[in-house]
Amino acid sequence: MQVESFFEWLGQALGSIIRFIVDGLSGLFNILSNAGGNFVDGLARTLGMDTSIISILALIVGLMLLWSAIRAFMNASIIAGIIWLLLGLWLLSWIIH
């Protein structure tokens, strides 16, 4: 009888610890999700673009193209730099109103 109550107590204690960890992680991920959403909303509002996933991906690709243009110019590749620059500016002008 005492053995059963010990294992019952041990199960409840372990369950309480797991529940505490899960609740803590749930709260942390909820805070991070809200912070990420607020960041995207603020970024989109400032740039005057939509908050859709396609707009965010186009913004990232456009910035990567501009970065490629900077790297090409630093490597003294003028033609490639101009091409990357024009592609990046075209894509960014397409998503930013």
C-alpha atoms as a PDB file:
ATOM      1  CA  MET A   1       0.000   0.000   0.000  1.00  0.00           C
ATOM      2  CA  GLN A   2       2.799   2.399   0.815  1.00  0.00           C
ATOM      3  CA  VAL A   3       4.598   1.499  -2.423  1.00  0.00           C
ATOM      4  CA  GLU A   4       1.536   2.404  -4.479  1.00  0.00           C
ATOM      5  CA  SER A   5       1.186   5.782  -2.774  1.00  0.00           C
ATOM      6  CA  PHE A   6       4.902   6.487  -3.309  1.00  0.00           C
ATOM      7  CA  PHE A   7       4.639   5.856  -7.055  1.00  0.00           C
ATOM      8  CA  GLU A   8       1.415   7.812  -7.220  1.00  0.00           C
ATOM      9  CA  TRP A   9       3.147  10.741  -5.506  1.00  0.00           C
ATOM     10  CA  LEU A  10       6.161  10.361  -7.819  1.00  0.00           C
ATOM     11  CA  GLY A  11       3.899  10.386 -10.896  1.00  0.00           C
ATOM     12  CA  GLN A  12       2.085  13.493  -9.681  1.00  0.00           C
ATOM     13  CA  ALA A  13       5.360  15.260  -8.929  1.00  0.00           C
ATOM     14  CA  LEU A  14       6.806  14.382 -12.330  1.00  0.00           C
ATOM     15  CA  GLY A  15       3.555  15.421 -14.019  1.00  0.00           C
ATOM     16  CA  SER A  16       3.608  18.760 -12.191  1.00  0.00           C
ATOM     17  CA  ILE A  17       7.199  19.416 -13.265  1.00  0.00           C
ATOM     18  CA  ILE A  18       6.427  18.557 -16.885  1.00  0.00           C
ATOM     19  CA  ARG A  19       3.308  20.734 -16.798  1.00  0.00           C
ATOM     20  CA  PHE A  20       5.314  23.661 -15.394  1.00  0.00           C
ATOM     21  CA  ILE A  21       7.926  23.314 -18.161  1.00  0.00           C
ATOM     22  CA  VAL A  22       5.301  23.056 -20.900  1.00  0.00           C
ATOM     23  CA  ASP A  23       3.389  26.079 -19.583  1.00  0.00           C
ATOM     24  CA  GLY A  24       6.610  28.090 -19.376  1.00  0.00           C
ATOM     25  CA  LEU A  25       7.662  27.189 -22.910  1.00  0.00           C
ATOM     26  CA  SER A  26       4.161  27.911 -24.195  1.00  0.00           C
ATOM     27  CA  GLY A  27       4.281  31.374 -22.653  1.00  0.00           C
ATOM     28  CA  LEU A  28       7.762  32.013 -24.054  1.00  0.00           C
ATOM     29  CA  PHE A  29       6.774  30.977 -27.582  1.00  0.00           C
ATOM     30  CA  ASN A  30       3.611  33.067 -27.331  1.00  0.00           C
ATOM     31  CA  ILE A  31       5.672  36.127 -26.389  1.00  0.00           C
ATOM     32  CA  LEU A  32       8.123  35.480 -29.248  1.00  0.00           C
ATOM     33  CA  SER A  33       5.260  35.002 -31.706  1.00  0.00           C
ATOM     34  CA  ASN A  34       3.643  38.280 -30.670  1.00  0.00           C
ATOM     35  CA  ALA A  35       6.980  40.094 -30.887  1.00  0.00           C
ATOM     36  CA  GLY A  36       7.619  38.701 -34.372  1.00  0.00           C
ATOM     37  CA  GLY A  37       4.143  39.657 -35.531  1.00  0.00           C
ATOM     38  CA  ASN A  38       4.514  43.169 -34.163  1.00  0.00           C
ATOM     39  CA  PHE A  39       7.921  43.493 -35.846  1.00  0.00           C
ATOM     40  CA  VAL A  40       6.524  42.435 -39.233  1.00  0.00           C
ATOM     41  CA  ASP A  41       3.522  44.753 -38.847  1.00  0.00           C
ATOM     42  CA  GLY A  42       5.743  47.704 -37.961  1.00  0.00           C
ATOM     43  CA  LEU A  43       8.168  46.973 -40.792  1.00  0.00           C
ATOM     44  CA  ALA A  44       5.377  46.611 -43.336  1.00  0.00           C
ATOM     45  CA  ARG A  45       3.594  49.744 -42.131  1.00  0.00           C
ATOM     46  CA  THR A  46       6.800  51.789 -42.275  1.00  0.00           C
ATOM     47  CA  LEU A  47       7.689  50.577 -45.776  1.00  0.00           C
ATOM     48  CA  GLY A  48       4.094  50.854 -46.985  1.00  0.00           C
ATOM     49  CA  MET A  49       3.781  47.242 -48.071  1.00  0.00           C
ATOM     50  CA  ASP A  50       1.468  44.334 -47.325  1.00  0.00           C
ATOM     51  CA  THR A  51       2.127  41.924 -44.483  1.00  0.00           C
ATOM     52  CA  SER A  52       1.669  38.835 -46.657  1.00  0.00           C
ATOM     53  CA  ILE A  53       4.327  36.152 -46.703  1.00  0.00           C
ATOM     54  CA  ILE A  54       4.970  36.795 -50.415  1.00  0.00           C
ATOM     55  CA  SER A  55       5.707  40.468 -49.746  1.00  0.00           C
ATOM     56  CA  ILE A  56       8.085  39.608 -46.911  1.00  0.00           C
ATOM     57  CA  LEU A  57       9.865  37.006 -49.067  1.00  0.00           C
ATOM     58  CA  ALA A  58      10.113  39.494 -51.951  1.00  0.00           C
ATOM     59  CA  LEU A  59      11.612  42.043 -49.553  1.00  0.00           C
ATOM     60  CA  ILE A  60      14.214  39.533 -48.398  1.00  0.00           C
ATOM     61  CA  VAL A  61      15.073  38.527 -51.976  1.00  0.00           C
ATOM     62  CA  GLY A  62      15.307  42.178 -53.026  1.00  0.00           C
ATOM     63  CA  LEU A  63      17.680  42.961 -50.183  1.00  0.00           C
ATOM     64  CA  MET A  64      19.759  39.911 -51.084  1.00  0.00           C
ATOM     65  CA  LEU A  65      19.980  41.167 -54.675  1.00  0.00           C
ATOM     66  CA  LEU A  66      21.165  44.564 -53.455  1.00  0.00           C
ATOM     67  CA  TRP A  67      23.745  42.835 -51.271  1.00  0.00           C
ATOM     68  CA  SER A  68      24.922  40.879 -54.309  1.00  0.00           C
ATOM     69  CA  ALA A  69      25.265  44.162 -56.201  1.00  0.00           C
ATOM     70  CA  ILE A  70      27.423  45.621 -53.434  1.00  0.00           C
ATOM     71  CA  ARG A  71      29.626  42.519 -53.422  1.00  0.00           C
ATOM     72  CA  ALA A  72      29.943  42.630 -57.218  1.00  0.00           C
ATOM     73  CA  PHE A  73      30.955  46.299 -57.124  1.00  0.00           C
ATOM     74  CA  MET A  74      33.533  45.537 -54.431  1.00  0.00           C
ATOM     75  CA  ASN A  75      34.982  42.809 -56.665  1.00  0.00           C
ATOM     76  CA  ALA A  76      35.256  45.366 -59.509  1.00  0.00           C
ATOM     77  CA  SER A  77      32.611  43.601 -61.596  1.00  0.00           C
ATOM     78  CA  ILE A  78      30.724  46.624 -62.878  1.00  0.00           C
ATOM     79  CA  ILE A  79      28.360  44.847 -65.302  1.00  0.00           C
ATOM     80  CA  ALA A  80      27.260  42.206 -62.790  1.00  0.00           C
ATOM     81  CA  GLY A  81      26.876  44.903 -60.123  1.00  0.00           C
ATOM     82  CA  ILE A  82      24.612  46.961 -62.376  1.00  0.00           C
ATOM     83  CA  ILE A  83      22.501  43.910 -63.224  1.00  0.00           C
ATOM     84  CA  TRP A  84      22.089  42.899 -59.538  1.00  0.00           C
ATOM     85  CA  LEU A  85      21.380  46.527 -58.605  1.00  0.00           C
ATOM     86  CA  LEU A  86      18.680  46.937 -61.228  1.00  0.00           C
ATOM     87  CA  LEU A  87      17.048  43.614 -60.354  1.00  0.00           C
ATOM     88  CA  GLY A  88      17.078  44.423 -56.647  1.00  0.00           C
ATOM     89  CA  LEU A  89      15.680  47.919 -57.110  1.00  0.00           C
ATOM     90  CA  TRP A  90      13.017  46.641 -59.490  1.00  0.00           C
ATOM     91  CA  LEU A  91      11.878  43.984 -57.013  1.00  0.00           C
ATOM     92  CA  LEU A  92      11.879  46.382 -54.076  1.00  0.00           C
ATOM     93  CA  SER A  93       9.959  49.023 -56.037  1.00  0.00           C
ATOM     94  CA  TRP A  94       7.418  46.336 -56.943  1.00  0.00           C
ATOM     95  CA  ILE A  95       6.569  45.552 -53.296  1.00  0.00           C
ATOM     96  CA  ILE A  96       7.009  48.967 -51.670  1.00  0.00           C
ATOM     97  CA  HIS A  97       4.167  51.312 -52.561  1.00  0.00           C
END
